[in-house]
């Protein structure tokens, strides 16, 4: 009986694969969103790689310090990801419903919260960067170098909040090329300025790690400015995309209503607040991992820093499909096409698994080549190679978790279940494992890394059960407020 069940499972999934590639409309729509988003994320992460390859020429301590300083930004970026994801849930369904007033309201709330969050993160970094760095690591040289970087990069936080808000709303409306092109241009500028400010090239002053931060601030400011300007000229029929999201500040009841409608604000926070709390608490938990790693031996800290950089690039391989599925499923649910959304969610699960297996194999086979790019010590290289083996094994599990939690559950507003899965995984499994392995038993970094990733297995089991319960298949804007 067991063998028969497995045969049926295999046969069913092969049939799904055939169905996917026969559905040309689905493939076309998926690629139209996934390819630009993947390209944008890949370019962003390649920039981080280039930054690290440049900064590591200043020494292992410099690249590790900058990476640790960016853990603070990582918590902020996850807060913004929570705001943008929560906003996208509503915006995607409103776009499926073709309710442009709803999209305007979502955009205005998200950008106000985002800028406020950016300011709240910027001020502590400007006023006391040493304190923030001392929380993350106990190494005094890393605290000093990281503080130099943090006090400059923090200026970009409110600017980044605006950019993320614009990009997420545009993606929800299936406009993905504008953010991709703007980000690509900003990245090119960032790379050029990195060379100039880090090493004193092109007639620019040599500023070291502070130069890398300054280059990023300039590039992010340029990105934000271009994104705001271009959306006003990007056409959809006779209207610009900006007409759908930019506020018209006239003192009329019609134009002020999106700001003061309390019922809508309540609806927004009911849907988005679990996502915001999810990403913030999850990011805080992951930052505690960095605190543990920062208290291990320097070679271990350097190794996990480089591994995390490689990991962030690999994660891009399945984030594009996740973004695509979140938008498509949200549009379908908002358009009341529930059966279609259920079918396409299954398609996305199968595609994600196939892609992740290929990526895992490539990562394992190329680990030596990838590690050779980093001029680290022999001990650190040994650690990195073993960490990459662990990473390769975990890729399919992590890809499916992202697909289920970020794309499927959230697209239907099942945000409380997603919150429970992420938070319980990090705080009840990941953090205890990191503390036991790194602080109590002083295990090698790749063993600690593997222990931490046990949280992914836990989330996959419970997440798949929740996905099969189908509680996420609902239209949350069918009865909207006025």
Protein backbone atom coordinates (compact mmCIF):
# COMPACT_ATOMS: atom_id res chain seq x y z
CA UNK A 1 0.00 0.00 0.00
CA UNK A 2 2.85 2.39 0.83
CA UNK A 3 4.44 1.86 -2.61
CA UNK A 4 1.16 2.48 -4.41
CA UNK A 5 0.65 5.76 -2.55
CA UNK A 6 4.09 6.97 -3.53
CA UNK A 7 3.48 6.01 -7.16
CA UNK A 8 0.24 7.97 -7.15
CA UNK A 9 2.04 10.92 -5.54
CA UNK A 10 4.75 10.85 -8.22
CA UNK A 11 2.23 10.44 -11.01
CA UNK A 12 0.05 13.27 -9.74
CA UNK A 13 2.99 15.65 -9.56
CA UNK A 14 4.20 14.69 -13.04
CA UNK A 15 0.72 15.48 -14.32
CA UNK A 16 0.87 18.85 -12.60
CA UNK A 17 4.20 19.58 -14.29
CA UNK A 18 2.63 18.80 -17.67
CA UNK A 19 -0.34 21.03 -16.86
CA UNK A 20 1.95 23.89 -15.87
CA UNK A 21 3.84 23.94 -19.15
CA UNK A 22 0.64 23.62 -21.18
CA UNK A 23 -0.82 26.68 -19.46
CA UNK A 24 0.95 29.32 -21.55
CA UNK A 25 -0.99 32.20 -20.03
CA UNK A 26 0.14 31.16 -16.53
CA UNK A 27 3.77 30.76 -17.60
CA UNK A 28 3.77 34.11 -19.41
CA UNK A 29 2.27 35.99 -16.45
CA UNK A 30 4.62 34.27 -13.98
CA UNK A 31 7.75 35.03 -16.00
CA UNK A 32 6.65 38.63 -16.60
CA UNK A 33 6.85 39.27 -12.85
CA UNK A 34 9.43 36.71 -11.70
CA UNK A 35 12.21 37.53 -14.17
CA UNK A 36 12.44 41.31 -13.48
CA UNK A 37 12.07 40.79 -9.71
CA UNK A 38 14.73 38.07 -9.72
CA UNK A 39 17.04 40.24 -11.80
CA UNK A 40 16.54 43.19 -9.43
CA UNK A 41 17.17 41.09 -6.32
CA UNK A 42 20.15 39.38 -7.94
CA UNK A 43 21.72 42.70 -8.87
CA UNK A 44 21.17 44.02 -5.33
CA UNK A 45 22.81 40.97 -3.82
CA UNK A 46 25.60 41.01 -6.35
CA UNK A 47 26.26 44.56 -5.17
CA UNK A 48 26.60 43.23 -1.62
CA UNK A 49 29.03 40.63 -2.95
CA UNK A 50 31.06 43.29 -4.78
CA UNK A 51 31.05 45.44 -1.64
CA UNK A 52 32.37 42.51 0.39
CA UNK A 53 35.04 41.64 -2.18
CA UNK A 54 36.21 45.27 -2.12
CA UNK A 55 36.05 45.75 1.65
CA UNK A 56 37.78 42.44 2.40
CA UNK A 57 40.88 43.98 0.75
CA UNK A 58 40.96 46.17 3.85
CA UNK A 59 41.11 43.03 6.02
CA UNK A 60 38.85 40.31 7.44
CA UNK A 61 37.98 42.56 10.37
CA UNK A 62 36.63 45.25 8.01
CA UNK A 63 34.32 42.97 6.02
CA UNK A 64 33.08 41.28 9.19
CA UNK A 65 32.49 44.64 10.91
CA UNK A 66 30.48 46.00 7.97
CA UNK A 67 28.45 42.81 7.81
CA UNK A 68 27.69 42.99 11.52
CA UNK A 69 26.77 46.68 11.24
CA UNK A 70 24.36 45.75 8.45
CA UNK A 71 22.54 43.41 10.84
CA UNK A 72 21.00 46.57 12.25
CA UNK A 73 19.85 47.53 8.75
CA UNK A 74 18.70 43.93 8.32
CA UNK A 75 16.21 44.35 11.18
CA UNK A 76 15.00 47.61 9.65
CA UNK A 77 14.73 46.09 6.17
CA UNK A 78 12.65 43.24 7.57
CA UNK A 79 10.37 45.75 9.25
CA UNK A 80 10.00 47.40 5.84
CA UNK A 81 9.51 44.01 4.20
CA UNK A 82 6.72 43.40 6.69
CA UNK A 83 5.10 46.74 5.87
CA UNK A 84 5.46 46.24 2.11
CA UNK A 85 4.30 42.60 2.27
CA UNK A 86 1.31 43.50 4.41
CA UNK A 87 0.49 46.34 2.02
CA UNK A 88 0.94 44.09 -1.01
CA UNK A 89 -1.62 41.62 0.34
CA UNK A 90 -4.30 44.31 0.17
CA UNK A 91 -2.93 46.11 -2.90
CA UNK A 92 -2.78 42.89 -4.96
CA UNK A 93 -6.37 42.01 -4.11
CA UNK A 94 -7.51 45.58 -4.76
CA UNK A 95 -5.82 45.46 -8.16
CA UNK A 96 -7.60 42.18 -8.91
CA UNK A 97 -10.82 44.00 -7.97
CA UNK A 98 -9.67 47.06 -9.99
CA UNK A 99 -10.19 49.29 -6.96
CA UNK A 100 -7.68 52.11 -7.46
CA UNK A 101 -8.92 54.11 -4.47
CA UNK A 102 -8.07 51.14 -2.25
CA UNK A 103 -4.55 51.03 -3.72
CA UNK A 104 -4.07 54.74 -3.01
CA UNK A 105 -5.12 54.28 0.58
CA UNK A 106 -2.78 51.33 1.09
CA UNK A 107 0.14 53.22 -0.44
CA UNK A 108 -0.35 56.29 1.72
CA UNK A 109 -0.51 54.33 4.94
CA UNK A 110 2.51 52.17 4.06
CA UNK A 111 4.72 55.10 3.13
CA UNK A 112 3.87 57.04 6.32
CA UNK A 113 4.62 54.03 8.54
CA UNK A 114 7.78 53.23 6.56
CA UNK A 115 9.27 56.72 6.85
CA UNK A 116 8.45 56.82 10.56
CA UNK A 117 10.22 53.47 11.00
CA UNK A 118 13.21 54.75 9.03
CA UNK A 119 13.54 57.76 11.30
CA UNK A 120 13.23 55.63 14.45
CA UNK A 121 16.09 53.39 13.24
CA UNK A 122 18.21 56.26 11.92
CA UNK A 123 18.35 58.34 15.10
CA UNK A 124 19.93 55.73 17.46
CA UNK A 125 22.50 54.87 14.79
CA UNK A 126 23.46 58.53 14.43
CA UNK A 127 23.49 59.29 18.15
CA UNK A 128 25.18 56.17 19.57
CA UNK A 129 26.54 53.75 16.93
CA UNK A 130 29.06 52.27 19.39
CA UNK A 131 26.27 51.06 21.66
CA UNK A 132 24.48 49.36 18.78
CA UNK A 133 27.67 47.64 17.62
CA UNK A 134 28.53 46.53 21.16
CA UNK A 135 25.21 44.65 21.29
CA UNK A 136 26.09 42.74 18.13
CA UNK A 137 29.75 41.91 18.86
CA UNK A 138 32.22 42.02 21.74
CA UNK A 139 35.34 42.56 19.54
CA UNK A 140 36.47 46.16 20.08
CA UNK A 141 38.12 46.56 16.67
CA UNK A 142 34.89 45.45 14.96
CA UNK A 143 32.85 47.83 17.12
CA UNK A 144 35.05 50.75 16.07
CA UNK A 145 35.05 49.94 12.35
CA UNK A 146 31.34 49.05 12.32
CA UNK A 147 30.41 52.30 14.06
CA UNK A 148 32.24 54.31 11.39
CA UNK A 149 30.13 52.57 8.73
CA UNK A 150 26.83 52.65 10.63
CA UNK A 151 26.77 56.37 11.38
CA UNK A 152 26.92 57.13 7.63
CA UNK A 153 24.66 54.40 6.21
CA UNK A 154 21.87 55.22 8.69
CA UNK A 155 21.11 58.43 6.75
CA UNK A 156 19.68 56.27 3.96
CA UNK A 157 17.05 54.48 6.09
CA UNK A 158 14.06 56.85 5.57
CA UNK A 159 14.97 57.13 1.89
CA UNK A 160 15.01 53.35 1.58
CA UNK A 161 11.59 53.19 3.22
CA UNK A 162 10.12 55.38 0.47
CA UNK A 163 11.74 53.28 -2.26
CA UNK A 164 10.47 50.00 -0.83
CA UNK A 165 6.93 51.39 -0.48
CA UNK A 166 6.87 52.49 -4.12
CA UNK A 167 8.35 49.24 -5.41
CA UNK A 168 5.95 46.99 -3.49
CA UNK A 169 2.85 48.85 -4.67
CA UNK A 170 4.06 48.87 -8.28
CA UNK A 171 4.70 45.12 -8.14
CA UNK A 172 1.23 44.52 -6.73
CA UNK A 173 -0.11 46.24 -9.85
CA UNK A 174 2.16 44.09 -12.09
CA UNK A 175 4.51 46.98 -12.87
CA UNK A 176 7.89 45.36 -12.26
CA UNK A 177 10.11 46.79 -14.99
CA UNK A 178 10.30 50.32 -13.58
CA UNK A 179 11.71 49.26 -10.15
CA UNK A 180 14.11 46.85 -11.87
CA UNK A 181 15.52 49.45 -14.28
CA UNK A 182 15.85 52.13 -11.60
CA UNK A 183 17.56 49.73 -9.18
CA UNK A 184 19.92 48.54 -11.93
CA UNK A 185 21.03 52.11 -12.64
CA UNK A 186 21.47 52.85 -8.93
CA UNK A 187 23.56 49.71 -8.48
CA UNK A 188 25.90 50.71 -11.33
CA UNK A 189 26.36 54.11 -9.70
CA UNK A 190 26.94 52.42 -6.32
CA UNK A 191 29.66 50.11 -7.67
CA UNK A 192 31.51 53.00 -9.33
CA UNK A 193 31.30 55.13 -6.18
CA UNK A 194 32.41 52.16 -4.05
CA UNK A 195 35.64 51.90 -5.99
CA UNK A 196 36.11 55.65 -5.72
CA UNK A 197 35.34 56.23 -2.03
CA UNK A 198 36.86 53.02 -0.61
CA UNK A 199 40.22 53.25 -2.41
CA UNK A 200 40.39 56.94 -3.40
CA UNK A 201 39.93 56.43 -7.15
CA UNK A 202 38.47 58.76 -9.82
CA UNK A 203 39.66 61.79 -7.88
CA UNK A 204 37.48 60.93 -4.86
CA UNK A 205 38.81 60.86 -1.28
CA UNK A 206 39.91 57.50 0.21
CA UNK A 207 37.44 56.83 3.04
CA UNK A 208 37.64 53.05 3.57
CA UNK A 209 34.48 51.47 5.04
CA UNK A 210 32.91 54.92 5.54
CA UNK A 211 33.32 55.41 1.76
CA UNK A 212 31.31 52.27 1.08
CA UNK A 213 28.51 53.62 3.27
CA UNK A 214 28.61 57.03 1.57
CA UNK A 215 28.41 55.41 -1.87
CA UNK A 216 25.32 53.49 -0.79
CA UNK A 217 23.63 56.61 0.62
CA UNK A 218 24.15 58.48 -2.66
CA UNK A 219 22.94 55.53 -4.76
CA UNK A 220 19.81 54.98 -2.63
CA UNK A 221 18.94 58.67 -2.78
CA UNK A 222 19.28 58.60 -6.56
CA UNK A 223 17.17 55.43 -6.76
CA UNK A 224 14.36 56.94 -4.70
CA UNK A 225 14.35 60.21 -6.67
CA UNK A 226 14.22 58.44 -10.03
CA UNK A 227 11.49 56.06 -8.92
CA UNK A 228 9.21 58.90 -7.80
CA UNK A 229 9.85 60.89 -10.98
CA UNK A 230 9.47 58.03 -13.46
CA UNK A 231 6.18 56.70 -12.04
CA UNK A 232 4.54 59.98 -13.02
CA UNK A 233 5.34 59.33 -16.69
CA UNK A 234 4.81 55.55 -16.84
CA UNK A 235 1.56 55.17 -18.83
CA UNK A 236 -1.35 52.75 -18.42
CA UNK A 237 -3.90 53.73 -21.05
CA UNK A 238 -4.53 57.44 -20.75
CA UNK A 239 -3.35 57.65 -17.16
CA UNK A 240 0.08 57.51 -15.57
CA UNK A 241 0.84 54.87 -12.98
CA UNK A 242 1.55 57.74 -10.62
CA UNK A 243 -2.11 58.79 -10.87
CA UNK A 244 -3.01 55.54 -9.11
CA UNK A 245 -0.68 55.98 -6.15
CA UNK A 246 0.31 59.64 -5.75
CA UNK A 247 -1.77 61.73 -3.42
CA UNK A 248 -3.62 64.76 -4.74
CA UNK A 249 -3.42 67.21 -1.84
CA UNK A 250 -6.60 69.18 -2.40
CA UNK A 251 -8.84 69.98 0.51
CA UNK A 252 -11.89 68.10 -0.70
CA UNK A 253 -13.77 65.30 1.00
CA UNK A 254 -12.94 62.92 -1.86
CA UNK A 255 -9.20 63.47 -1.63
CA UNK A 256 -8.93 63.59 2.15
CA UNK A 257 -11.12 60.53 2.76
CA UNK A 258 -8.33 57.95 2.13
CA UNK A 259 -6.36 59.50 5.01
CA UNK A 260 -9.13 59.75 7.58
CA UNK A 261 -11.22 56.64 6.93
CA UNK A 262 -10.89 54.87 10.27
CA UNK A 263 -12.57 51.70 9.07
CA UNK A 264 -9.99 51.34 6.31
CA UNK A 265 -7.09 52.01 8.67
CA UNK A 266 -8.48 49.30 10.96
CA UNK A 267 -8.73 46.92 8.00
CA UNK A 268 -5.14 47.72 6.98
CA UNK A 269 -3.69 47.04 10.41
CA UNK A 270 -5.78 43.90 10.91
CA UNK A 271 -4.24 42.48 7.72
CA UNK A 272 -0.76 44.03 7.80
CA UNK A 273 0.15 44.18 11.50
CA UNK A 274 0.73 40.40 11.85
CA UNK A 275 3.07 40.58 8.82
CA UNK A 276 4.92 43.59 10.22
CA UNK A 277 5.25 41.89 13.61
CA UNK A 278 6.27 38.67 11.87
CA UNK A 279 9.13 40.19 9.89
CA UNK A 280 10.33 42.39 12.75
CA UNK A 281 10.35 39.60 15.34
CA UNK A 282 11.84 37.14 12.87
CA UNK A 283 14.52 39.68 11.93
CA UNK A 284 15.27 40.35 15.58
CA UNK A 285 15.66 36.61 16.13
CA UNK A 286 18.01 36.27 13.16
CA UNK A 287 20.00 39.22 14.52
CA UNK A 288 20.44 37.27 17.76
CA UNK A 289 22.05 34.57 15.63
CA UNK A 290 24.55 37.23 14.56
CA UNK A 291 25.11 38.17 18.22
CA UNK A 292 25.97 34.54 18.97
CA UNK A 293 28.23 34.27 15.91
CA UNK A 294 29.89 37.58 16.87
CA UNK A 295 30.98 36.01 20.17
CA UNK A 296 32.59 32.98 18.57
CA UNK A 297 36.20 32.88 17.39
CA UNK A 298 37.08 35.46 14.68
CA UNK A 299 37.56 32.79 11.96
CA UNK A 300 34.10 31.41 12.67
CA UNK A 301 32.57 34.90 12.59
CA UNK A 302 34.28 35.68 9.27
CA UNK A 303 33.16 32.34 7.83
CA UNK A 304 29.49 32.75 8.70
CA UNK A 305 29.60 36.35 7.45
CA UNK A 306 30.79 35.22 4.03
CA UNK A 307 28.36 32.28 4.06
CA UNK A 308 25.48 34.67 4.71
CA UNK A 309 26.54 36.78 1.74
CA UNK A 310 26.53 33.70 -0.51
CA UNK A 311 23.25 32.57 1.03
CA UNK A 312 21.56 35.90 0.25
CA UNK A 313 22.49 35.54 -3.43
CA UNK A 314 21.20 31.95 -3.57
CA UNK A 315 17.91 32.93 -1.91
CA UNK A 316 17.28 35.24 -4.89
CA UNK A 317 16.76 32.13 -7.04
CA UNK A 318 13.43 31.44 -5.41
CA UNK A 319 12.39 34.92 -4.23
CA UNK A 320 11.43 35.96 -7.76
CA UNK A 321 8.92 33.13 -8.05
CA UNK A 322 7.61 33.93 -4.56
CA UNK A 323 7.00 37.55 -5.51
CA UNK A 324 5.34 36.48 -8.73
CA UNK A 325 3.05 34.00 -7.00
CA UNK A 326 2.11 36.46 -4.24
CA UNK A 327 0.99 39.04 -6.82
CA UNK A 328 -0.81 36.56 -9.07
CA UNK A 329 -2.58 34.75 -6.23
CA UNK A 330 -3.53 38.07 -4.64
CA UNK A 331 -4.96 39.37 -7.92
CA UNK A 332 -6.95 36.15 -8.41
CA UNK A 333 -8.29 36.07 -4.86
CA UNK A 334 -9.25 39.75 -5.06
CA UNK A 335 -11.00 39.01 -8.36
CA UNK A 336 -12.93 36.21 -6.61
CA UNK A 337 -11.28 33.49 -8.73
CA UNK A 338 -10.77 31.18 -5.77
CA UNK A 339 -10.54 27.87 -7.64
CA UNK A 340 -8.02 29.35 -10.03
CA UNK A 341 -5.90 30.61 -7.14
CA UNK A 342 -5.96 27.18 -5.49
CA UNK A 343 -4.79 25.51 -8.70
CA UNK A 344 -2.05 28.04 -9.34
CA UNK A 345 -0.79 27.78 -5.74
CA UNK A 346 -0.16 24.09 -6.39
CA UNK A 347 1.63 24.99 -9.63
CA UNK A 348 3.90 27.40 -7.77
CA UNK A 349 4.74 24.80 -5.11
CA UNK A 350 5.86 22.28 -7.75
CA UNK A 351 7.86 24.89 -9.70
CA UNK A 352 9.55 26.14 -6.55
CA UNK A 353 10.61 22.64 -5.54
CA UNK A 354 12.03 21.89 -9.00
CA UNK A 355 14.01 25.14 -9.09
CA UNK A 356 15.35 24.67 -5.55
CA UNK A 357 16.66 21.17 -6.28
CA UNK A 358 18.62 22.47 -9.28
CA UNK A 359 20.00 25.41 -7.26
CA UNK A 360 21.00 23.10 -4.39
CA UNK A 361 22.97 20.82 -6.72
CA UNK A 362 24.72 23.75 -8.43
CA UNK A 363 25.61 25.30 -5.06
CA UNK A 364 27.16 22.06 -3.84
CA UNK A 365 29.15 21.48 -7.04
CA UNK A 366 30.48 25.05 -7.22
CA UNK A 367 31.30 25.52 -3.54
CA UNK A 368 35.07 25.40 -4.07
CA UNK A 369 34.90 27.92 -6.92
CA UNK A 370 32.70 30.29 -4.91
CA UNK A 371 34.90 30.11 -1.82
CA UNK A 372 37.99 30.86 -3.90
CA UNK A 373 36.60 34.35 -4.58
CA UNK A 374 37.19 35.32 -0.95
CA UNK A 375 40.79 35.86 0.22
CA UNK A 376 40.09 34.53 3.72
CA UNK A 377 42.35 32.52 6.04
CA UNK A 378 42.68 28.76 5.53
CA UNK A 379 40.67 28.07 8.70
CA UNK A 380 37.86 30.38 7.58
CA UNK A 381 37.82 28.75 4.13
CA UNK A 382 37.49 25.31 5.74
CA UNK A 383 34.53 26.57 7.75
CA UNK A 384 32.91 28.23 4.71
CA UNK A 385 33.06 25.04 2.61
CA UNK A 386 31.36 23.04 5.33
CA UNK A 387 28.75 25.75 5.84
CA UNK A 388 27.99 25.65 2.12
CA UNK A 389 27.37 21.90 2.29
CA UNK A 390 24.82 22.57 5.03
CA UNK A 391 23.36 25.41 2.96
CA UNK A 392 23.00 23.15 -0.10
CA UNK A 393 21.01 20.57 1.85
CA UNK A 394 18.69 23.22 3.28
CA UNK A 395 17.85 25.06 0.05
CA UNK A 396 14.77 23.00 -1.04
CA UNK A 397 13.29 23.16 2.47
CA UNK A 398 13.81 26.91 2.74
CA UNK A 399 12.42 27.53 -0.74
CA UNK A 400 9.20 25.67 0.06
CA UNK A 401 8.87 27.47 3.39
CA UNK A 402 9.19 30.85 1.70
CA UNK A 403 6.65 29.82 -0.92
CA UNK A 404 4.12 28.64 1.65
CA UNK A 405 4.50 31.36 4.27
CA UNK A 406 5.35 34.49 2.29
CA UNK A 407 3.41 33.82 -0.91
CA UNK A 408 0.51 31.45 -0.34
CA UNK A 409 -0.66 32.00 3.23
CA UNK A 410 -0.17 35.76 3.16
CA UNK A 411 -1.79 36.25 -0.26
CA UNK A 412 -5.09 35.14 1.24
CA UNK A 413 -4.67 37.12 4.45
CA UNK A 414 -3.78 34.08 6.61
CA UNK A 415 -1.17 36.24 8.30
CA UNK A 416 -1.61 34.99 11.86
CA UNK A 417 -0.66 31.44 10.83
CA UNK A 418 2.40 32.80 9.00
CA UNK A 419 3.30 34.82 12.10
CA UNK A 420 3.13 31.75 14.34
CA UNK A 421 5.24 29.60 12.00
CA UNK A 422 8.05 32.12 11.59
CA UNK A 423 8.23 33.37 15.17
CA UNK A 424 7.97 29.97 16.85
CA UNK A 425 10.60 28.54 14.49
CA UNK A 426 13.17 31.24 15.25
CA UNK A 427 12.54 31.78 18.96
CA UNK A 428 11.71 28.24 20.11
CA UNK A 429 14.17 26.30 17.92
CA UNK A 430 16.69 28.49 16.08
CA UNK A 431 17.86 30.74 18.93
CA UNK A 432 18.15 27.94 21.54
CA UNK A 433 20.12 25.87 19.02
CA UNK A 434 22.45 28.80 18.25
CA UNK A 435 23.06 29.48 21.94
CA UNK A 436 23.68 25.83 22.83
CA UNK A 437 25.97 25.18 19.88
CA UNK A 438 27.90 28.44 19.82
CA UNK A 439 28.06 29.58 23.45
CA UNK A 440 27.54 26.50 25.63
CA UNK A 441 29.25 23.68 23.69
CA UNK A 442 31.58 25.79 21.48
CA UNK A 443 30.91 23.63 18.42
CA UNK A 444 32.37 24.41 14.98
CA UNK A 445 30.45 27.09 13.13
CA UNK A 446 29.10 24.73 10.44
CA UNK A 447 27.58 22.48 13.13
CA UNK A 448 25.96 25.50 14.81
CA UNK A 449 24.69 26.65 11.40
CA UNK A 450 23.12 23.22 10.81
CA UNK A 451 21.51 23.25 14.26
CA UNK A 452 19.98 26.66 13.59
CA UNK A 453 18.52 25.47 10.27
CA UNK A 454 16.48 22.79 12.07
CA UNK A 455 13.87 25.53 12.41
CA UNK A 456 13.27 25.28 8.65
CA UNK A 457 12.31 21.60 8.90
CA UNK A 458 9.87 22.41 11.71
CA UNK A 459 8.26 25.20 9.67
CA UNK A 460 7.93 23.02 6.58
CA UNK A 461 5.96 20.32 8.41
CA UNK A 462 3.50 22.73 10.08
CA UNK A 463 3.37 25.08 7.08
CA UNK A 464 2.40 22.32 4.67
CA UNK A 465 -0.36 21.18 7.02
CA UNK A 466 -1.71 24.74 7.14
CA UNK A 467 -1.50 25.06 3.34
CA UNK A 468 -3.58 21.87 2.92
CA UNK A 469 -6.26 23.22 5.26
CA UNK A 470 -7.03 25.87 2.58
CA UNK A 471 -7.94 28.58 5.08
CA UNK A 472 -5.89 31.02 3.00
CA UNK A 473 -8.25 30.71 0.01
CA UNK A 474 -10.39 33.81 0.59
CA UNK A 475 -11.17 37.22 -0.81
CA UNK A 476 -10.44 39.77 1.91
CA UNK A 477 -11.61 42.83 -0.07
CA UNK A 478 -14.97 41.46 -1.25
CA UNK A 479 -16.78 43.55 1.38
CA UNK A 480 -14.72 46.67 1.59
CA UNK A 481 -15.19 49.81 3.61
CA UNK A 482 -16.24 53.05 1.95
